[in-house]
PDB file of N, CA and C in Angstrom:
ATOM      1  N   MET A   1     -11.362  -3.700  58.138  1.00  0.00           N
ATOM      2  CA  MET A   1     -10.362  -3.362  57.150  1.00  0.00           C
ATOM      3  C   MET A   1      -9.041  -4.022  57.535  1.00  0.00           C
ATOM      4  N   PHE A   2      -8.200  -4.221  56.511  1.00  0.00           N
ATOM      5  CA  PHE A   2      -6.925  -4.895  56.727  1.00  0.00           C
ATOM      6  C   PHE A   2      -5.839  -4.276  55.857  1.00  0.00           C
ATOM      7  N   LEU A   3      -4.628  -4.204  56.408  1.00  0.00           N
ATOM      8  CA  LEU A   3      -3.452  -3.788  55.656  1.00  0.00           C
ATOM      9  C   LEU A   3      -2.704  -5.038  55.231  1.00  0.00           C
ATOM     10  N   ALA A   4      -2.233  -5.071  53.981  1.00  0.00           N
ATOM     11  CA  ALA A   4      -1.430  -6.188  53.493  1.00  0.00           C
ATOM     12  C   ALA A   4      -0.447  -5.670  52.457  1.00  0.00           C
ATOM     13  N   ARG A   5       0.721  -6.301  52.413  1.00  0.00           N
ATOM     14  CA  ARG A   5       1.766  -5.891  51.480  1.00  0.00           C
ATOM     15  C   ARG A   5       2.049  -7.025  50.500  1.00  0.00           C
ATOM     16  N   ASP A   6       2.058  -6.692  49.209  1.00  0.00           N
ATOM     17  CA  ASP A   6       2.353  -7.680  48.172  1.00  0.00           C
ATOM     18  C   ASP A   6       3.838  -8.030  48.169  1.00  0.00           C
ATOM     19  N   LYS A   7       4.167  -9.093  47.447  1.00  0.00           N
ATOM     20  CA  LYS A   7       5.555  -9.548  47.349  1.00  0.00           C
ATOM     21  C   LYS A   7       6.459  -8.471  46.757  1.00  0.00           C
ATOM     22  N   ASN A   8       5.909  -7.608  45.867  1.00  0.00           N
ATOM     23  CA  ASN A   8       6.703  -6.543  45.242  1.00  0.00           C
ATOM     24  C   ASN A   8       6.769  -5.283  46.112  1.00  0.00           C
ATOM     25  N   ASN A   9       6.279  -5.370  47.360  1.00  0.00           N
ATOM     26  CA  ASN A   9       6.336  -4.308  48.368  1.00  0.00           C
ATOM     27  C   ASN A   9       5.196  -3.295  48.271  1.00  0.00           C
ATOM     28  N   ASP A  10       4.249  -3.448  47.345  1.00  0.00           N
ATOM     29  CA  ASP A  10       3.094  -2.553  47.292  1.00  0.00           C
ATOM     30  C   ASP A  10       2.227  -2.793  48.523  1.00  0.00           C
ATOM     31  N   LEU A  11       1.723  -1.710  49.098  1.00  0.00           N
ATOM     32  CA  LEU A  11       0.917  -1.768  50.315  1.00  0.00           C
ATOM     33  C   LEU A  11      -0.527  -1.420  49.982  1.00  0.00           C
ATOM     34  N   TYR A  12      -1.477  -2.197  50.527  1.00  0.00           N
ATOM     35  CA  TYR A  12      -2.895  -1.991  50.249  1.00  0.00           C
ATOM     36  C   TYR A  12      -3.721  -2.017  51.526  1.00  0.00           C
ATOM     37  N   LEU A  13      -4.800  -1.260  51.492  1.00  0.00           N
ATOM     38  CA  LEU A  13      -5.826  -1.307  52.521  1.00  0.00           C
ATOM     39  C   LEU A  13      -7.028  -2.012  51.897  1.00  0.00           C
ATOM     40  N   PHE A  14      -7.442  -3.129  52.498  1.00  0.00           N
ATOM     41  CA  PHE A  14      -8.563  -3.913  51.988  1.00  0.00           C
ATOM     42  C   PHE A  14      -9.797  -3.700  52.845  1.00  0.00           C
ATOM     43  N   ASN A  15     -10.944  -3.695  52.221  1.00  0.00           N
ATOM     44  CA  ASN A  15     -12.217  -3.556  52.908  1.00  0.00           C
ATOM     45  C   ASN A  15     -12.589  -4.846  53.638  1.00  0.00           C
ATOM     46  N   GLU A  16     -12.084  -5.985  53.169  1.00  0.00           N
ATOM     47  CA  GLU A  16     -12.345  -7.284  53.787  1.00  0.00           C
ATOM     48  C   GLU A  16     -11.032  -8.062  53.870  1.00  0.00           C
ATOM     49  N   LEU A  17     -11.023  -9.135  54.645  1.00  0.00           N
ATOM     50  CA  LEU A  17      -9.815  -9.942  54.807  1.00  0.00           C
ATOM     51  C   LEU A  17      -9.383 -10.493  53.446  1.00  0.00           C
ATOM     52  N   PRO A  18      -8.170 -10.131  52.982  1.00  0.00           N
ATOM     53  CA  PRO A  18      -7.714 -10.612  51.677  1.00  0.00           C
ATOM     54  C   PRO A  18      -7.133 -12.024  51.773  1.00  0.00           C
ATOM     55  N   GLN A  19      -7.030 -12.664  50.620  1.00  0.00           N
ATOM     56  CA  GLN A  19      -6.437 -13.994  50.509  1.00  0.00           C
ATOM     57  C   GLN A  19      -5.070 -13.857  49.853  1.00  0.00           C
ATOM     58  N   ARG A  20      -4.113 -14.693  50.296  1.00  0.00           N
ATOM     59  CA  ARG A  20      -2.769 -14.638  49.726  1.00  0.00           C
ATOM     60  C   ARG A  20      -2.734 -15.396  48.396  1.00  0.00           C
ATOM     61  N   GLY A  21      -2.235 -14.732  47.361  1.00  0.00           N
ATOM     62  CA  GLY A  21      -1.987 -15.380  46.081  1.00  0.00           C
ATOM     63  C   GLY A  21      -0.519 -15.751  45.999  1.00  0.00           C
ATOM     64  N   SER A  22      -0.028 -16.087  44.831  1.00  0.00           N
ATOM     65  CA  SER A  22       1.378 -16.467  44.702  1.00  0.00           C
ATOM     66  C   SER A  22       2.316 -15.277  44.841  1.00  0.00           C
ATOM     67  N   GLU A  23       1.839 -14.061  44.492  1.00  0.00           N
ATOM     68  CA  GLU A  23       2.686 -12.874  44.598  1.00  0.00           C
ATOM     69  C   GLU A  23       1.961 -11.652  45.128  1.00  0.00           C
ATOM     70  N   CYS A  24       0.661 -11.784  45.396  1.00  0.00           N
ATOM     71  CA  CYS A  24      -0.093 -10.627  45.876  1.00  0.00           C
ATOM     72  C   CYS A  24      -1.291 -11.080  46.701  1.00  0.00           C
ATOM     73  N   TRP A  25      -1.858 -10.130  47.418  1.00  0.00           N
ATOM     74  CA  TRP A  25      -3.089 -10.354  48.173  1.00  0.00           C
ATOM     75  C   TRP A  25      -4.257  -9.930  47.299  1.00  0.00           C
ATOM     76  N   TRP A  26      -5.406 -10.576  47.455  1.00  0.00           N
ATOM     77  CA  TRP A  26      -6.576 -10.216  46.676  1.00  0.00           C
ATOM     78  C   TRP A  26      -7.826 -10.363  47.521  1.00  0.00           C
ATOM     79  N   ALA A  27      -8.812  -9.547  47.198  1.00  0.00           N
ATOM     80  CA  ALA A  27     -10.087  -9.577  47.905  1.00  0.00           C
ATOM     81  C   ALA A  27     -10.981 -10.619  47.246  1.00  0.00           C
ATOM     82  N   GLU A  28     -11.749 -11.307  48.040  1.00  0.00           N
ATOM     83  CA  GLU A  28     -12.641 -12.359  47.528  1.00  0.00           C
ATOM     84  C   GLU A  28     -13.553 -11.842  46.423  1.00  0.00           C
ATOM     85  N   THR A  29     -14.100 -10.656  46.607  1.00  0.00           N
ATOM     86  CA  THR A  29     -15.009 -10.109  45.601  1.00  0.00           C
ATOM     87  C   THR A  29     -14.260  -9.653  44.357  1.00  0.00           C
ATOM     88  N   GLY A  30     -13.004  -9.220  44.518  1.00  0.00           N
ATOM     89  CA  GLY A  30     -12.148  -8.884  43.399  1.00  0.00           C
ATOM     90  C   GLY A  30     -12.625  -7.762  42.508  1.00  0.00           C
ATOM     91  N   ILE A  31     -13.398  -6.823  43.041  1.00  0.00           N
ATOM     92  CA  ILE A  31     -13.880  -5.717  42.224  1.00  0.00           C
ATOM     93  C   ILE A  31     -13.326  -4.398  42.730  1.00  0.00           C
ATOM     94  N   ASP A  32     -13.375  -3.381  41.893  1.00  0.00           N
ATOM     95  CA  ASP A  32     -12.918  -2.053  42.306  1.00  0.00           C
ATOM     96  C   ASP A  32     -13.681  -1.608  43.542  1.00  0.00           C
ATOM     97  N   GLY A  33     -12.992  -0.906  44.417  1.00  0.00           N
ATOM     98  CA  GLY A  33     -13.617  -0.411  45.628  1.00  0.00           C
ATOM     99  C   GLY A  33     -13.403  -1.314  46.827  1.00  0.00           C
ATOM    100  N   THR A  34     -12.779  -2.479  46.626  1.00  0.00           N
ATOM    101  CA  THR A  34     -12.525  -3.367  47.753  1.00  0.00           C
ATOM    102  C   THR A  34     -11.142  -3.161  48.355  1.00  0.00           C
ATOM    103  N   TYR A  35     -10.305  -2.365  47.677  1.00  0.00           N
ATOM    104  CA  TYR A  35      -8.960  -2.103  48.186  1.00  0.00           C
ATOM    105  C   TYR A  35      -8.485  -0.728  47.728  1.00  0.00           C
ATOM    106  N   LEU A  36      -7.472  -0.236  48.428  1.00  0.00           N
ATOM    107  CA  LEU A  36      -6.892   1.065  48.128  1.00  0.00           C
ATOM    108  C   LEU A  36      -5.386   0.944  48.262  1.00  0.00           C
ATOM    109  N   ARG A  37      -4.651   1.338  47.229  1.00  0.00           N
ATOM    110  CA  ARG A  37      -3.191   1.296  47.300  1.00  0.00           C
ATOM    111  C   ARG A  37      -2.705   2.472  48.146  1.00  0.00           C
ATOM    112  N   LEU A  38      -1.754   2.190  49.035  1.00  0.00           N
ATOM    113  CA  LEU A  38      -1.186   3.202  49.924  1.00  0.00           C
ATOM    114  C   LEU A  38       0.282   3.437  49.594  1.00  0.00           C
ATOM    115  N   GLU A  39       0.826   4.509  50.126  1.00  0.00           N
ATOM    116  CA  GLU A  39       2.247   4.827  49.968  1.00  0.00           C
ATOM    117  C   GLU A  39       3.082   3.694  50.582  1.00  0.00           C
ATOM    118  N   ASN A  40       4.034   3.168  49.812  1.00  0.00           N
ATOM    119  CA  ASN A  40       4.846   2.027  50.257  1.00  0.00           C
ATOM    120  C   ASN A  40       5.635   2.276  51.531  1.00  0.00           C
ATOM    121  N   SER A  41       5.982   3.523  51.809  1.00  0.00           N
ATOM    122  CA  SER A  41       6.810   3.809  52.982  1.00  0.00           C
ATOM    123  C   SER A  41       6.029   3.727  54.292  1.00  0.00           C
ATOM    124  N   LEU A  42       4.700   3.654  54.218  1.00  0.00           N
ATOM    125  CA  LEU A  42       3.881   3.560  55.425  1.00  0.00           C
ATOM    126  C   LEU A  42       3.889   2.136  55.981  1.00  0.00           C
ATOM    127  N   PHE A  43       3.735   2.011  57.272  1.00  0.00           N
ATOM    128  CA  PHE A  43       3.550   0.724  57.944  1.00  0.00           C
ATOM    129  C   PHE A  43       4.610  -0.309  57.576  1.00  0.00           C
ATOM    130  N   ALA A  44       5.862   0.023  57.846  1.00  0.00           N
ATOM    131  CA  ALA A  44       6.981  -0.882  57.540  1.00  0.00           C
ATOM    132  C   ALA A  44       6.835  -2.232  58.226  1.00  0.00           C
ATOM    133  N   GLU A  45       6.068  -2.280  59.315  1.00  0.00           N
ATOM    134  CA  GLU A  45       5.884  -3.549  60.028  1.00  0.00           C
ATOM    135  C   GLU A  45       4.994  -4.540  59.271  1.00  0.00           C
ATOM    136  N   VAL A  46       4.281  -4.066  58.248  1.00  0.00           N
ATOM    137  CA  VAL A  46       3.447  -4.945  57.424  1.00  0.00           C
ATOM    138  C   VAL A  46       4.328  -5.487  56.303  1.00  0.00           C
ATOM    139  N   THR A  47       4.506  -6.803  56.270  1.00  0.00           N
ATOM    140  CA  THR A  47       5.394  -7.436  55.290  1.00  0.00           C
ATOM    141  C   THR A  47       4.657  -8.522  54.520  1.00  0.00           C
ATOM    142  N   TRP A  48       5.212  -8.890  53.372  1.00  0.00           N
ATOM    143  CA  TRP A  48       4.659  -9.974  52.567  1.00  0.00           C
ATOM    144  C   TRP A  48       4.658 -11.284  53.361  1.00  0.00           C
ATOM    145  N   GLU A  49       5.686 -11.487  54.141  1.00  0.00           N
ATOM    146  CA  GLU A  49       5.817 -12.729  54.888  1.00  0.00           C
ATOM    147  C   GLU A  49       4.781 -12.845  56.008  1.00  0.00           C
ATOM    148  N   GLY A  50       4.255 -11.724  56.468  1.00  0.00           N
ATOM    149  CA  GLY A  50       3.283 -11.725  57.552  1.00  0.00           C
ATOM    150  C   GLY A  50       1.859 -11.885  57.046  1.00  0.00           C
ATOM    151  N   GLU A  51       0.940 -11.863  57.988  1.00  0.00           N
ATOM    152  CA  GLU A  51      -0.484 -11.943  57.678  1.00  0.00           C
ATOM    153  C   GLU A  51      -1.067 -10.524  57.598  1.00  0.00           C
ATOM    154  N   PRO A  52      -2.236 -10.357  56.990  1.00  0.00           N
ATOM    155  CA  PRO A  52      -2.888  -9.046  56.969  1.00  0.00           C
ATOM    156  C   PRO A  52      -3.098  -8.521  58.392  1.00  0.00           C
ATOM    157  N   VAL A  53      -2.962  -7.214  58.552  1.00  0.00           N
ATOM    158  CA  VAL A  53      -3.069  -6.570  59.860  1.00  0.00           C
ATOM    159  C   VAL A  53      -4.406  -5.825  59.938  1.00  0.00           C
ATOM    160  N   PRO A  54      -5.211  -6.102  60.962  1.00  0.00           N
ATOM    161  CA  PRO A  54      -6.467  -5.355  61.105  1.00  0.00           C
ATOM    162  C   PRO A  54      -6.192  -3.853  61.205  1.00  0.00           C
ATOM    163  N   ALA A  55      -7.048  -3.052  60.598  1.00  0.00           N
ATOM    164  CA  ALA A  55      -6.878  -1.601  60.584  1.00  0.00           C
ATOM    165  C   ALA A  55      -8.240  -0.926  60.711  1.00  0.00           C
ATOM    166  N   ALA A  56      -8.219   0.323  61.143  1.00  0.00           N
ATOM    167  CA  ALA A  56      -9.445   1.125  61.249  1.00  0.00           C
ATOM    168  C   ALA A  56      -9.122   2.546  60.812  1.00  0.00           C
ATOM    169  N   LEU A  57     -10.106   3.221  60.284  1.00  0.00           N
ATOM    170  CA  LEU A  57      -9.961   4.620  59.918  1.00  0.00           C
ATOM    171  C   LEU A  57     -10.682   5.481  60.938  1.00  0.00           C
ATOM    172  N   SER A  58     -10.113   6.639  61.211  1.00  0.00           N
ATOM    173  CA  SER A  58     -10.739   7.604  62.109  1.00  0.00           C
ATOM    174  C   SER A  58     -10.857   8.923  61.377  1.00  0.00           C
ATOM    175  N   SER A  59     -11.898   9.655  61.655  1.00  0.00           N
ATOM    176  CA  SER A  59     -12.021  10.984  61.073  1.00  0.00           C
ATOM    177  C   SER A  59     -11.975  11.997  62.206  1.00  0.00           C
ATOM    178  N   PHE A  60     -11.511  13.176  61.894  1.00  0.00           N
ATOM    179  CA  PHE A  60     -11.409  14.257  62.855  1.00  0.00           C
ATOM    180  C   PHE A  60     -12.251  15.422  62.369  1.00  0.00           C
ATOM    181  N   ALA A  61     -12.893  16.064  63.304  1.00  0.00           N
ATOM    182  CA  ALA A  61     -13.649  17.254  62.938  1.00  0.00           C
ATOM    183  C   ALA A  61     -12.673  18.331  62.479  1.00  0.00           C
ATOM    184  N   ARG A  62     -13.060  19.112  61.514  1.00  0.00           N
ATOM    185  CA  ARG A  62     -12.200  20.167  60.978  1.00  0.00           C
ATOM    186  C   ARG A  62     -11.743  21.082  62.116  1.00  0.00           C
ATOM    187  N   GLY A  63     -10.433  21.313  62.151  1.00  0.00           N
ATOM    188  CA  GLY A  63      -9.857  22.200  63.161  1.00  0.00           C
ATOM    189  C   GLY A  63      -9.449  21.516  64.446  1.00  0.00           C
ATOM    190  N   SER A  64      -9.690  20.199  64.565  1.00  0.00           N
ATOM    191  CA  SER A  64      -9.335  19.517  65.808  1.00  0.00           C
ATOM    192  C   SER A  64      -8.034  18.753  65.695  1.00  0.00           C
ATOM    193  N   ALA A  65      -7.479  18.597  64.502  1.00  0.00           N
ATOM    194  CA  ALA A  65      -6.260  17.813  64.341  1.00  0.00           C
ATOM    195  C   ALA A  65      -5.029  18.667  64.472  1.00  0.00           C
TER     196      ALA A  65
END
């Protein structure tokens, strides 16, 4: 998974390495389910000028967090 931020500051989590377009990042497959929009205030270090950042999800057992 990868985090990437579009030129308009929207932040996305991609299932695969996205490609840079003229104003946004896009997944090669380009279908629903390949990305998830996240809250813009998260991960300020991810910028349009930078490259996608590798990311991973973790789950916690109920009551352990």
